[in-house]
Structures are given as C-alpha cells and as structure tokens.
Amino acid sequence: MASAIVEAASQKEPVSKPVKKKDPEVLVLANLGRFKGAKIKAEVLTKEQLSEMASLAGQARWAKHHYNAGKNKNDGAPV
C-alpha cells in the first residue's frame, strides 16, 4: 500500500507558478512618478525634515541587515 502511495505521488508533475513579466512602458512611467515625488518632497520639506527621514531610513536598512546577519555570507553588511 505504501508503495502505491509513493508511486502515485511521484507520477504527478510539479505545478509551476506563472512568471509575471513587467511591461517596460509601465516601469518607465513608474520611475517618472518616483522622481517627480522626490523632487516635490525636496521642495516642500525643510532640510531638517529630509535629514530626519533619511536618518530613519538608514536605521531601518541597518536593522534589517543586522536581523538577517548570519543568514548569508556577508554577515549583515549592507550591499
């Protein structure tokens, strides 16, 4: 009975997930929007606010890398 289960399980082909391809035109538009947003943010916020946001972003990146330390060969150092 066990051999029948193993045989039945091994005969099924693995289900592969469909690969989503990103449309290059959409990517270009997304990048334009990102750059426009950054420019507007730089115009609206003060230097102190921008500096604080950058500091928090850096802390978040370092925290993520240290959390993953030892899971890969670079031991959590930012790439």
Protein backbone atom coordinates (compact mmCIF):
# COMPACT_ATOMS: atom_id res chain seq x y z
CA MET A 1 0.00 0.00 0.00
CA ALA A 2 2.79 2.44 0.87
CA SER A 3 4.50 1.75 -2.44
CA ALA A 4 1.27 2.59 -4.27
CA ILE A 5 1.07 5.96 -2.48
CA VAL A 6 4.70 6.77 -3.26
CA GLU A 7 4.22 5.76 -6.89
CA ALA A 8 1.07 7.87 -7.25
CA ALA A 9 2.74 10.88 -5.65
CA SER A 10 5.82 10.61 -7.86
CA GLN A 11 3.81 10.45 -11.09
CA LYS A 12 2.31 13.92 -10.70
CA GLU A 13 4.14 16.72 -12.41
CA PRO A 14 5.05 19.67 -10.20
CA VAL A 15 2.83 22.72 -10.54
CA SER A 16 4.82 25.72 -11.71
CA LYS A 17 3.81 29.27 -10.94
CA PRO A 18 3.28 31.57 -13.93
CA VAL A 19 6.04 34.13 -14.37
CA LYS A 20 4.78 37.70 -14.41
CA LYS A 21 6.60 39.89 -16.89
CA LYS A 22 6.67 43.61 -16.21
CA ASP A 23 5.75 45.92 -19.04
CA PRO A 24 8.75 48.20 -19.82
CA GLU A 25 6.44 51.15 -20.54
CA VAL A 26 4.84 50.81 -17.12
CA LEU A 27 8.25 50.71 -15.47
CA VAL A 28 9.29 53.93 -17.22
CA LEU A 29 6.14 55.69 -16.07
CA ALA A 30 6.61 54.40 -12.53
CA ASN A 31 10.16 55.76 -12.43
CA LEU A 32 8.99 59.14 -13.70
CA GLY A 33 6.42 59.29 -10.92
CA ARG A 34 9.02 58.36 -8.33
CA PHE A 35 11.37 61.12 -9.44
CA LYS A 36 8.58 63.67 -9.53
CA GLY A 37 7.59 62.72 -6.00
CA ALA A 38 11.15 63.05 -4.74
CA LYS A 39 11.50 66.49 -6.31
CA ILE A 40 8.25 67.71 -4.79
CA LYS A 41 9.21 66.26 -1.40
CA ALA A 42 12.55 68.10 -1.56
CA GLU A 43 10.78 71.38 -2.38
CA VAL A 44 8.16 71.08 0.36
CA LEU A 45 10.10 69.70 3.33
CA THR A 46 12.80 71.51 5.26
CA LYS A 47 16.39 70.26 5.30
CA GLU A 48 15.91 69.10 8.89
CA GLN A 49 12.84 67.07 7.93
CA LEU A 50 14.63 65.50 4.97
CA SER A 51 17.62 64.71 7.17
CA GLU A 52 15.39 63.07 9.79
CA MET A 53 13.64 60.95 7.12
CA ALA A 54 17.00 59.88 5.67
CA SER A 55 18.28 59.00 9.14
CA LEU A 56 15.22 56.86 9.90
CA ALA A 57 15.51 55.13 6.52
CA GLY A 58 19.18 54.33 7.18
CA GLN A 59 18.37 52.96 10.63
CA ALA A 60 15.66 50.75 9.12
CA ARG A 61 18.08 49.41 6.48
CA TRP A 62 20.75 48.63 9.08
CA ALA A 63 18.22 46.99 11.38
CA LYS A 64 17.05 44.77 8.54
CA HIS A 65 20.61 43.77 7.65
CA HIS A 66 21.53 43.02 11.26
CA TYR A 67 18.35 41.00 11.69
CA ASN A 68 19.41 38.86 8.72
CA ALA A 69 23.04 38.60 9.90
CA GLY A 70 24.47 35.14 9.54
CA LYS A 71 21.83 34.04 7.04
CA ASN A 72 24.09 34.88 4.12
CA LYS A 73 27.80 35.19 3.53
CA ASN A 74 28.07 38.98 4.00
CA ASP A 75 27.01 38.75 7.69
CA GLY A 76 24.55 41.61 7.58
CA ALA A 77 26.77 44.23 5.98
CA PRO A 78 24.80 46.48 3.65
CA VAL A 79 25.32 45.87 -0.02
